[in-house]
């Protein structure tokens, strides 16, 4: 699956480069490279945005696991445990939805005639 995602990212980069090269005169794409990602830090590419999202989803999962263990041991409030698990579930759902959209976009790109 990682190979397919890398292929989709390569196709996205190629399409983005082709789109910026073929823009009409007077029409420029303004991009300072300072768009903010999910964590508020600047990102320079779509791949960086995906990496940040995946890292945050991974952190949410690890936090949920830690909270679950603390909850079982009686060291954490049950509301905090439920909140951490809900956040991890939401992050996982988001990652799965983004993956599905990227794969659908890649499949549509592959269907395009050359």
Protein backbone atom coordinates (compact mmCIF):
# COMPACT_ATOMS: atom_id res chain seq x y z
CA UNK A 1 0.00 0.00 0.00
CA UNK A 2 2.92 2.36 0.71
CA UNK A 3 4.06 1.95 -2.89
CA UNK A 4 0.62 2.97 -4.15
CA UNK A 5 0.60 6.05 -1.89
CA UNK A 6 4.08 7.02 -3.09
CA UNK A 7 2.93 6.59 -6.68
CA UNK A 8 -0.12 8.76 -5.95
CA UNK A 9 2.09 11.45 -4.41
CA UNK A 10 4.40 11.35 -7.44
CA UNK A 11 1.41 11.71 -9.74
CA UNK A 12 0.17 14.63 -7.64
CA UNK A 13 3.56 16.36 -7.83
CA UNK A 14 3.71 15.87 -11.60
CA UNK A 15 0.21 17.27 -12.04
CA UNK A 16 0.99 20.22 -9.78
CA UNK A 17 4.17 21.02 -11.70
CA UNK A 18 2.40 20.70 -15.04
CA UNK A 19 -0.39 22.95 -13.80
CA UNK A 20 1.98 25.67 -12.62
CA UNK A 21 3.97 25.58 -15.87
CA UNK A 22 0.91 25.88 -18.07
CA UNK A 23 -0.77 28.79 -16.24
CA UNK A 24 -1.82 31.65 -18.53
CA UNK A 25 0.24 34.86 -18.68
CA UNK A 26 -0.59 37.21 -15.88
CA UNK A 27 -1.95 34.35 -13.80
CA UNK A 28 0.57 33.37 -11.20
CA UNK A 29 0.23 30.92 -8.43
CA UNK A 30 1.01 32.71 -5.22
CA UNK A 31 2.52 30.34 -2.73
CA UNK A 32 4.93 31.44 -0.11
CA UNK A 33 5.26 27.91 1.23
CA UNK A 34 3.91 29.08 4.55
CA UNK A 35 0.61 27.25 4.67
CA UNK A 36 0.00 25.86 8.13
CA UNK A 37 -0.41 22.15 8.68
CA UNK A 38 -2.56 20.40 11.29
CA UNK A 39 -0.09 21.23 14.03
CA UNK A 40 0.17 24.89 13.01
CA UNK A 41 3.69 24.50 11.66
CA UNK A 42 4.38 25.59 8.09
CA UNK A 43 4.38 22.94 5.37
CA UNK A 44 5.95 23.15 1.96
CA UNK A 45 4.18 20.31 0.20
CA UNK A 46 1.21 17.99 0.26
CA UNK A 47 3.49 15.15 1.33
CA UNK A 48 4.64 17.17 4.35
CA UNK A 49 1.01 17.83 5.25
CA UNK A 50 0.26 14.10 5.08
CA UNK A 51 3.31 13.27 7.19
CA UNK A 52 2.26 15.75 9.87
CA UNK A 53 -1.26 14.33 9.91
CA UNK A 54 0.03 10.78 10.22
CA UNK A 55 2.41 11.77 13.01
CA UNK A 56 -0.41 13.44 14.92
CA UNK A 57 -2.65 10.40 14.45
CA UNK A 58 0.14 8.17 15.75
CA UNK A 59 0.64 10.41 18.79
CA UNK A 60 -3.10 10.35 19.48
CA UNK A 61 -3.05 6.53 19.38
CA UNK A 62 -0.10 6.33 21.74
CA UNK A 63 -1.73 8.82 24.11
CA UNK A 64 -4.92 6.75 24.10
CA UNK A 65 -2.99 3.58 24.89
CA UNK A 66 -1.18 5.29 27.77
CA UNK A 67 -4.44 6.69 29.12
CA UNK A 68 -6.08 3.25 28.90
CA UNK A 69 -3.27 1.68 30.91
CA UNK A 70 -3.45 4.50 33.46
CA UNK A 71 -7.23 4.11 33.62
CA UNK A 72 -6.97 0.39 34.28
CA UNK A 73 -4.40 1.06 37.00
CA UNK A 74 -6.73 3.67 38.52
CA UNK A 75 -4.30 6.53 37.87
CA UNK A 76 -6.48 8.41 35.35
CA UNK A 77 -9.99 9.79 35.34
CA UNK A 78 -12.37 7.78 33.15
CA UNK A 79 -13.46 10.93 31.28
CA UNK A 80 -9.85 11.58 30.24
CA UNK A 81 -9.51 7.98 29.05
CA UNK A 82 -12.71 8.18 26.99
CA UNK A 83 -11.65 11.54 25.53
CA UNK A 84 -8.21 10.21 24.53
CA UNK A 85 -9.74 7.11 22.91
CA UNK A 86 -12.30 9.26 21.05
CA UNK A 87 -9.52 11.54 19.78
CA UNK A 88 -7.53 8.55 18.58
CA UNK A 89 -10.59 7.10 16.87
CA UNK A 90 -11.27 10.40 15.12
CA UNK A 91 -7.65 10.67 13.99
CA UNK A 92 -7.71 7.12 12.63
CA UNK A 93 -10.97 7.79 10.78
CA UNK A 94 -9.47 10.92 9.24
CA UNK A 95 -6.34 9.05 8.13
CA UNK A 96 -8.44 6.30 6.54
CA UNK A 97 -10.64 8.83 4.74
CA UNK A 98 -7.63 10.75 3.40
CA UNK A 99 -6.04 7.49 2.27
CA UNK A 100 -9.22 6.53 0.44
CA UNK A 101 -9.43 9.94 -1.26
CA UNK A 102 -5.77 9.79 -2.33
CA UNK A 103 -6.23 6.29 -3.72
CA UNK A 104 -9.38 7.33 -5.59
CA UNK A 105 -7.57 10.34 -7.03
CA UNK A 106 -4.66 8.14 -8.08
CA UNK A 107 -7.01 5.69 -9.79
CA UNK A 108 -8.74 8.55 -11.63
CA UNK A 109 -5.38 9.92 -12.75
CA UNK A 110 -4.35 6.49 -14.03
CA UNK A 111 -7.60 6.31 -16.06
CA UNK A 112 -6.82 9.58 -17.87
CA UNK A 113 -5.63 9.27 -21.45
CA UNK A 114 -2.11 10.40 -22.15
